[in-house]
Amino acid sequence: MIAPLTPVDFSNLRQWQRIDLEPSLAAFRRSAAEMLSTASGFSRQPVFGGSIEDWYPVCKASLDAMDARHFFETLFKPFQVMDPDRPQGLFTGYYEPLVEGTRQPDPAFPVPVYGKPADLVSFMLDEVQNSGLTYGRRLRGEPAPYDTREKIEKGSLAGQGLEICWVRDWTDAFFMHIQGSGRVKLQDGPEIRLAYAAKTGLPYTGIGSVLLKRGIGTPETMSMQFLKQWMKDHPSEARDLMWHNQSYVFFQEITVKDPGLGAIGAAKVNLTPRRSLAVDRYYWMFGTPVLLDTTTPPESPGGSQPFVELMIAQDTGTAIKGLARGDVYWGWGVEAALIAGHMKSPGRMTVLLPPAVGRKHGFM
């Protein structure tokens, strides 16, 4: 049986010596500060996460580190990741959409963007085990599923004052849900930033897979751009297609002081374009440095190119499942949307773990 993690030397990592590690260190520092304060990621115990005590030395050292390369090479041990279920790996992309909206409902902007409802809760571990539900509402004291996307979009939450803003159409709102954040250029005010606040916990279904099962498109041509065009060409069928994905995301309005950073990810820190990675929380702790060796999609400006960077695990997603599975945060704008919408590349992950974590799992 192939070990999921194999120790390797930095000298054997492709392109390692050519990578600019300063942006990676800056991103890691944001995660380190969160770990040293609230350490919210340790509310779960990922397979290769270790304990907060294992991470304290590297987190503290990062705050005063003067040389990024020396910091990572001295305080971490690299491990090659091998997923027996997906040896080639799979790496996709996401971005921060920009849509038009308004603070007040308007015939031209009829679609509400909701904040988290008061009755949406996270269930305790024993409740999760008994009900199979991670999130939902309590009915007569017992865990129950929350409303589906279809019910919510048909008005089940109307009248509760949860609306943050309204956007032009359901497709805009849907893809903002998929990306987990967004920017809304208000008709009656400035641009506002929205970040993920909660989700219903109902099953996530990729609507691209629904179309493929209908014989529409191919795995090679399926992309966010393909989906948007199909929905534009088939407006009467678009709502029903979106309702196949029962999962629904709620947002919170945030202020981002640094214009070079993205919205706040699941790790409770601002995301860094091209340095933040969404990972499977079952395996990896937020803050884990990940050397990603993959390629950009052919539709990228300049075509497919090697993408080898040290990323920091700072987000997650319902569709991100597996040891060698990641979602690259590309930022915002036309280019970011183009790359993220088409990216589905094979590749390789090498995780950098504090030595204490490696020893716990017998990999050192």
Protein backbone atom coordinates (compact mmCIF):
# COMPACT_ATOMS: atom_id res chain seq x y z
CA MET A 1 0.00 0.00 0.00
CA ILE A 2 1.36 3.41 -0.99
CA ALA A 3 1.90 5.79 1.92
CA PRO A 4 -0.18 8.99 1.61
CA LEU A 5 2.78 11.13 2.71
CA THR A 6 6.42 10.52 1.78
CA PRO A 7 9.27 12.66 3.20
CA VAL A 8 11.29 14.47 0.53
CA ASP A 9 14.10 17.03 0.52
CA PHE A 10 13.64 20.64 -0.50
CA SER A 11 16.49 20.16 -2.98
CA ASN A 12 14.36 17.61 -4.88
CA LEU A 13 11.31 19.84 -5.26
CA ARG A 14 10.83 21.07 -8.82
CA GLN A 15 11.22 24.84 -9.22
CA TRP A 16 11.60 25.31 -5.46
CA GLN A 17 14.68 27.51 -5.78
CA ARG A 18 12.96 29.76 -8.34
CA ILE A 19 9.77 30.46 -6.40
CA ASP A 20 9.22 33.87 -4.79
CA LEU A 21 8.38 32.84 -1.22
CA GLU A 22 7.85 36.30 0.26
CA PRO A 23 4.12 36.47 -0.71
CA SER A 24 3.72 32.96 0.73
CA LEU A 25 5.27 34.02 4.02
CA ALA A 26 3.01 37.08 4.16
CA ALA A 27 -0.03 34.84 3.62
CA PHE A 28 1.21 32.36 6.23
CA ARG A 29 1.65 35.17 8.76
CA ARG A 30 -2.04 35.97 8.48
CA SER A 31 -2.88 32.36 9.27
CA ALA A 32 -0.29 32.30 12.06
CA ALA A 33 -1.82 35.34 13.74
CA GLU A 34 -5.23 33.64 13.66
CA MET A 35 -3.75 30.42 15.08
CA LEU A 36 -2.05 32.31 17.90
CA SER A 37 -5.28 34.12 18.81
CA THR A 38 -8.47 32.13 18.25
CA ALA A 39 -7.15 29.01 16.46
CA SER A 40 -10.64 28.33 15.11
CA GLY A 41 -9.38 25.70 12.67
CA PHE A 42 -8.53 23.38 15.55
CA SER A 43 -12.21 23.00 16.38
CA ARG A 44 -11.87 20.07 13.98
CA GLN A 45 -9.08 17.51 13.93
CA PRO A 46 -7.91 16.86 10.36
CA VAL A 47 -6.09 13.60 9.68
CA PHE A 48 -2.76 15.37 9.15
CA GLY A 49 -3.48 18.47 11.22
CA GLY A 50 -1.62 17.91 14.46
CA SER A 51 -2.33 19.98 17.55
CA ILE A 52 -2.10 23.70 18.10
CA GLU A 53 0.97 23.05 20.27
CA ASP A 54 2.68 21.51 17.21
CA TRP A 55 2.09 24.73 15.28
CA TYR A 56 2.97 27.31 17.95
CA PRO A 57 6.75 27.36 17.23
CA VAL A 58 6.35 27.96 13.48
CA CYS A 59 3.55 30.49 13.97
CA LYS A 60 5.57 32.53 16.46
CA ALA A 61 8.72 32.35 14.34
CA SER A 62 6.89 33.57 11.24
CA LEU A 63 6.04 36.90 12.84
CA ASP A 64 9.72 37.85 13.08
CA ALA A 65 11.10 35.92 10.10
CA MET A 66 13.35 38.07 7.89
CA ASP A 67 14.04 35.52 5.13
CA ALA A 68 11.13 33.51 3.73
CA ARG A 69 13.21 30.73 2.23
CA HIS A 70 15.21 30.22 5.43
CA PHE A 71 11.97 30.21 7.44
CA PHE A 72 10.24 27.49 5.43
CA GLU A 73 13.33 25.34 4.93
CA THR A 74 14.33 25.50 8.60
CA LEU A 75 11.02 25.04 10.37
CA PHE A 76 9.09 22.70 8.06
CA LYS A 77 9.53 19.27 6.56
CA PRO A 78 8.18 18.62 3.05
CA PHE A 79 6.01 15.55 2.34
CA GLN A 80 4.95 14.39 -1.09
CA VAL A 81 1.19 13.69 -1.17
CA MET A 82 -0.12 10.58 -2.93
CA ASP A 83 -3.86 10.01 -3.19
CA PRO A 84 -4.48 6.39 -4.24
CA ASP A 85 -8.01 7.34 -5.33
CA ARG A 86 -6.75 10.18 -7.56
CA PRO A 87 -3.02 9.71 -8.25
CA GLN A 88 -2.96 12.51 -10.83
CA GLY A 89 -4.50 15.05 -8.43
CA LEU A 90 -7.13 17.61 -9.36
CA PHE A 91 -6.82 21.39 -9.03
CA THR A 92 -9.51 23.87 -9.93
CA GLY A 93 -9.85 27.61 -9.38
CA TYR A 94 -12.19 30.16 -7.88
CA TYR A 95 -12.41 33.94 -7.82
CA GLU A 96 -14.34 36.91 -6.43
CA PRO A 97 -17.16 37.87 -8.81
CA LEU A 98 -18.25 41.46 -9.41
CA VAL A 99 -21.98 42.00 -9.93
CA GLU A 100 -24.33 44.98 -10.00
CA GLY A 101 -26.79 45.51 -7.21
CA THR A 102 -28.77 47.86 -5.01
CA ARG A 103 -29.53 48.28 -1.31
CA GLN A 104 -33.28 48.35 -1.93
CA PRO A 105 -35.44 45.94 -3.96
CA ASP A 106 -36.01 47.19 -7.46
CA PRO A 107 -37.71 45.73 -10.53
CA ALA A 108 -34.30 45.63 -12.23
CA PHE A 109 -32.68 44.02 -9.17
CA PRO A 110 -35.16 41.48 -7.77
CA VAL A 111 -32.81 38.82 -6.38
CA PRO A 112 -32.00 39.03 -2.64
CA VAL A 113 -28.59 38.23 -1.15
CA TYR A 114 -29.21 36.97 2.37
CA GLY A 115 -27.29 37.13 5.61
CA LYS A 116 -27.28 34.16 7.98
CA PRO A 117 -30.70 33.31 9.47
CA ALA A 118 -30.93 33.14 13.26
CA ASP A 119 -32.32 29.61 13.23
CA LEU A 120 -29.48 28.14 11.14
CA VAL A 121 -27.16 26.29 13.54
CA SER A 122 -24.16 23.95 13.59
CA PHE A 123 -25.01 20.69 15.28
CA MET A 124 -23.03 19.03 18.06
CA LEU A 125 -20.91 15.98 17.24
CA ASP A 126 -23.40 13.50 18.67
CA GLU A 127 -26.20 15.17 16.72
CA VAL A 128 -24.15 14.95 13.52
CA GLN A 129 -23.56 11.25 14.11
CA ASN A 130 -27.22 10.55 14.83
CA SER A 131 -28.78 12.71 12.14
CA GLY A 132 -26.15 12.87 9.41
CA LEU A 133 -26.63 16.66 9.37
CA THR A 134 -23.81 19.13 10.06
CA TYR A 135 -25.96 22.25 9.73
CA GLY A 136 -29.70 22.87 9.83
CA ARG A 137 -32.39 23.99 12.25
CA ARG A 138 -33.85 22.46 15.37
CA LEU A 139 -37.50 21.46 15.26
CA ARG A 140 -38.95 20.43 18.61
CA GLY A 141 -35.39 20.19 19.85
CA GLU A 142 -34.26 17.75 17.16
CA PRO A 143 -31.88 18.38 14.20
CA ALA A 144 -33.72 18.93 10.94
CA PRO A 145 -32.60 19.87 7.41
CA TYR A 146 -32.70 23.53 6.43
CA ASP A 147 -34.65 24.83 3.44
CA THR A 148 -33.49 23.86 -0.04
CA ARG A 149 -32.26 26.40 -2.57
CA GLU A 150 -35.59 26.16 -4.36
CA LYS A 151 -37.60 26.93 -1.22
CA ILE A 152 -35.36 29.87 -0.29
CA GLU A 153 -35.46 31.33 -3.80
CA LYS A 154 -39.25 30.98 -3.78
CA GLY A 155 -39.42 33.15 -0.65
CA SER A 156 -39.20 30.96 2.47
CA LEU A 157 -36.93 33.53 4.19
CA ALA A 158 -38.67 36.67 2.93
CA GLY A 159 -39.79 39.20 5.49
CA GLN A 160 -37.10 38.43 8.08
CA GLY A 161 -34.89 41.41 7.26
CA LEU A 162 -32.00 39.19 6.14
CA GLU A 163 -31.44 40.96 2.83
CA ILE A 164 -27.99 42.57 2.52
CA CYS A 165 -28.62 43.75 -1.03
CA TRP A 166 -30.37 42.76 -4.25
CA VAL A 167 -28.69 41.75 -7.54
CA ARG A 168 -29.85 41.69 -11.13
CA ASP A 169 -30.50 38.00 -11.78
CA TRP A 170 -30.49 34.53 -10.25
CA THR A 171 -27.44 33.46 -12.24
CA ASP A 172 -25.34 36.28 -10.73
CA ALA A 173 -26.40 35.21 -7.24
CA PHE A 174 -25.86 31.51 -7.96
CA PHE A 175 -22.26 31.90 -9.09
CA MET A 176 -21.50 34.19 -6.17
CA HIS A 177 -22.71 31.34 -3.95
CA ILE A 178 -20.44 28.90 -5.76
CA GLN A 179 -17.41 31.18 -5.35
CA GLY A 180 -18.24 31.93 -1.70
CA SER A 181 -17.61 35.69 -1.91
CA GLY A 182 -18.31 38.65 -4.14
CA ARG A 183 -18.18 42.35 -4.85
CA VAL A 184 -21.40 44.23 -5.48
CA LYS A 185 -21.28 47.57 -7.31
CA LEU A 186 -24.28 49.36 -5.90
CA GLN A 187 -26.43 51.53 -8.15
CA ASP A 188 -27.22 53.67 -5.12
CA GLY A 189 -23.80 53.71 -3.46
CA PRO A 190 -20.22 52.39 -3.45
CA GLU A 191 -18.93 48.88 -4.04
CA ILE A 192 -19.41 46.51 -1.12
CA ARG A 193 -17.58 43.28 -0.29
CA LEU A 194 -19.39 40.10 0.68
CA ALA A 195 -17.80 37.09 2.39
CA TYR A 196 -19.12 33.65 3.25
CA ALA A 197 -21.09 33.55 6.50
CA ALA A 198 -22.80 30.13 6.55
CA LYS A 199 -24.41 27.44 4.43
CA THR A 200 -27.52 25.32 4.77
CA GLY A 201 -25.56 22.08 4.87
CA LEU A 202 -27.71 20.40 2.24
CA PRO A 203 -25.96 18.37 -0.50
CA TYR A 204 -23.85 20.24 -3.03
CA THR A 205 -24.45 19.17 -6.62
CA GLY A 206 -22.31 20.52 -9.44
CA ILE A 207 -24.76 21.62 -12.11
CA GLY A 208 -22.18 20.87 -14.79
CA SER A 209 -22.52 17.19 -13.93
CA VAL A 210 -26.30 17.50 -14.34
CA LEU A 211 -25.88 18.79 -17.89
CA LEU A 212 -23.31 16.11 -18.71
CA LYS A 213 -25.78 13.42 -17.66
CA ARG A 214 -28.27 14.98 -20.08
CA GLY A 215 -25.72 14.68 -22.88
CA ILE A 216 -25.04 18.42 -22.94
CA GLY A 217 -21.36 19.37 -23.22
CA THR A 218 -18.35 17.16 -22.52
CA PRO A 219 -15.97 16.86 -19.55
CA GLU A 220 -13.38 18.70 -21.64
CA THR A 221 -15.62 21.64 -22.57
CA MET A 222 -17.52 21.98 -19.28
CA SER A 223 -16.59 25.20 -17.47
CA MET A 224 -18.17 28.10 -15.66
CA GLN A 225 -18.23 30.00 -18.95
CA PHE A 226 -20.00 27.09 -20.67
CA LEU A 227 -22.61 26.95 -17.90
CA LYS A 228 -23.27 30.69 -17.99
CA GLN A 229 -23.71 30.64 -21.76
CA TRP A 230 -26.06 27.64 -21.60
CA MET A 231 -28.14 29.34 -18.92
CA LYS A 232 -28.27 32.52 -20.98
CA ASP A 233 -29.40 30.53 -24.02
CA HIS A 234 -31.99 28.53 -22.03
CA PRO A 235 -33.49 31.02 -19.54
CA SER A 236 -36.64 28.98 -18.98
CA GLU A 237 -34.59 25.97 -17.85
CA ALA A 238 -31.87 27.79 -15.90
CA ARG A 239 -33.72 28.09 -12.57
CA ASP A 240 -34.59 24.40 -12.50
CA LEU A 241 -30.94 23.54 -13.26
CA MET A 242 -29.72 25.68 -10.35
CA TRP A 243 -32.27 24.07 -8.02
CA HIS A 244 -30.54 20.72 -8.55
CA ASN A 245 -27.89 22.16 -6.22
CA GLN A 246 -29.82 22.24 -2.94
CA SER A 247 -26.94 23.87 -1.02
CA TYR A 248 -27.36 27.58 -0.33
CA VAL A 249 -24.78 30.10 0.94
CA PHE A 250 -25.36 33.08 3.21
CA PHE A 251 -23.10 36.14 3.26
CA GLN A 252 -21.80 38.88 5.52
CA GLU A 253 -20.73 42.36 4.50
CA ILE A 254 -17.07 43.01 5.32
CA THR A 255 -14.47 45.75 5.11
CA VAL A 256 -11.12 44.85 3.56
CA LYS A 257 -8.44 47.36 4.50
CA ASP A 258 -5.82 46.08 2.04
CA PRO A 259 -7.14 46.40 -1.56
CA GLY A 260 -4.66 43.72 -2.64
CA LEU A 261 -6.38 41.06 -0.56
CA GLY A 262 -9.54 39.09 -1.12
CA ALA A 263 -12.49 38.36 1.10
CA ILE A 264 -12.19 36.34 4.29
CA GLY A 265 -11.98 32.60 3.71
CA ALA A 266 -13.05 29.74 5.94
CA ALA A 267 -9.77 30.05 7.86
CA LYS A 268 -10.94 33.49 9.11
CA VAL A 269 -8.19 35.39 7.25
CA ASN A 270 -8.20 37.47 4.07
CA LEU A 271 -7.33 35.46 0.99
CA THR A 272 -4.26 36.22 -1.11
CA PRO A 273 -4.59 35.93 -4.91
CA ARG A 274 -2.43 33.08 -6.28
CA ARG A 275 -1.27 32.10 -2.78
CA SER A 276 -4.44 30.96 -0.98
CA LEU A 277 -5.65 27.41 -1.54
CA ALA A 278 -8.95 25.77 -0.61
CA VAL A 279 -8.38 22.22 0.66
CA ASP A 280 -10.27 19.29 2.13
CA ARG A 281 -10.52 19.97 5.87
CA TYR A 282 -10.87 16.27 6.57
CA TYR A 283 -7.14 15.93 5.83
CA TRP A 284 -5.44 19.32 6.17
CA MET A 285 -5.25 22.00 8.82
CA PHE A 286 -5.84 25.60 7.81
CA GLY A 287 -2.48 27.32 7.57
CA THR A 288 -0.67 24.34 6.05
CA PRO A 289 1.82 25.44 3.37
CA VAL A 290 1.28 23.49 0.13
CA LEU A 291 3.73 23.46 -2.77
CA LEU A 292 1.41 23.18 -5.75
CA ASP A 293 2.84 21.97 -9.07
CA THR A 294 0.18 22.17 -11.76
CA THR A 295 -0.73 24.14 -14.90
CA THR A 296 -3.11 26.91 -15.84
CA PRO A 297 -5.86 26.01 -18.34
CA PRO A 298 -5.39 26.45 -22.11
CA GLU A 299 -7.95 29.26 -22.04
CA SER A 300 -5.65 31.39 -19.85
CA PRO A 301 -3.99 34.46 -21.35
CA GLY A 302 -0.91 33.06 -23.07
CA GLY A 303 -2.28 29.52 -22.97
CA SER A 304 -1.50 26.72 -20.56
CA GLN A 305 1.55 27.49 -18.42
CA PRO A 306 3.25 25.78 -15.46
CA PHE A 307 1.95 27.03 -12.13
CA VAL A 308 4.35 26.18 -9.32
CA GLU A 309 3.82 28.19 -6.14
CA LEU A 310 3.86 27.75 -2.38
CA MET A 311 0.21 28.12 -1.38
CA ILE A 312 -1.30 28.41 2.10
CA ALA A 313 -4.40 26.37 2.99
CA GLN A 314 -6.86 29.11 3.96
CA ASP A 315 -10.22 28.01 2.63
CA THR A 316 -12.36 24.99 1.86
CA GLY A 317 -15.38 24.08 -0.23
CA THR A 318 -18.10 21.49 -0.39
CA ALA A 319 -16.74 20.15 -3.70
CA ILE A 320 -13.12 20.03 -2.51
CA LYS A 321 -12.72 16.41 -1.43
CA GLY A 322 -9.55 14.31 -1.40
CA LEU A 323 -5.92 14.25 -0.37
CA ALA A 324 -4.59 15.74 -3.60
CA ARG A 325 -7.45 18.13 -4.30
CA GLY A 326 -7.25 21.91 -4.20
CA ASP A 327 -8.94 25.08 -5.39
CA VAL A 328 -6.67 28.02 -6.26
CA TYR A 329 -7.90 31.49 -5.34
CA TRP A 330 -7.14 33.70 -8.36
CA GLY A 331 -8.46 37.00 -7.02
CA TRP A 332 -10.91 39.12 -9.02
CA GLY A 333 -11.32 40.66 -12.45
CA VAL A 334 -11.73 39.34 -16.00
CA GLU A 335 -8.47 37.34 -16.07
CA ALA A 336 -9.13 35.72 -12.68
CA ALA A 337 -12.63 34.70 -13.81
CA LEU A 338 -11.27 33.29 -17.08
CA ILE A 339 -8.59 31.16 -15.40
CA ALA A 340 -10.74 30.04 -12.47
CA GLY A 341 -13.73 29.21 -14.64
CA HIS A 342 -11.75 26.86 -16.90
CA MET A 343 -9.19 25.37 -14.51
CA LYS A 344 -9.37 21.61 -13.89
CA SER A 345 -5.74 20.58 -14.02
CA PRO A 346 -3.87 17.52 -12.80
CA GLY A 347 -0.89 18.18 -10.60
CA ARG A 348 1.14 17.40 -7.53
CA MET A 349 0.91 18.54 -3.92
CA THR A 350 3.79 18.66 -1.46
CA VAL A 351 2.73 19.73 2.02
CA LEU A 352 5.08 21.42 4.49
CA LEU A 353 4.40 20.26 8.02
CA PRO A 354 5.98 21.15 11.36
CA PRO A 355 8.30 18.23 12.27
CA ALA A 356 6.17 17.41 15.32
CA VAL A 357 3.17 16.69 13.04
CA GLY A 358 5.27 14.44 10.80
CA ARG A 359 6.59 12.48 13.78
CA LYS A 360 3.07 11.91 15.15
CA HIS A 361 2.14 10.08 11.96
CA GLY A 362 5.38 8.10 11.75
CA PHE A 363 6.52 9.79 8.55
CA MET A 364 9.88 10.87 10.05
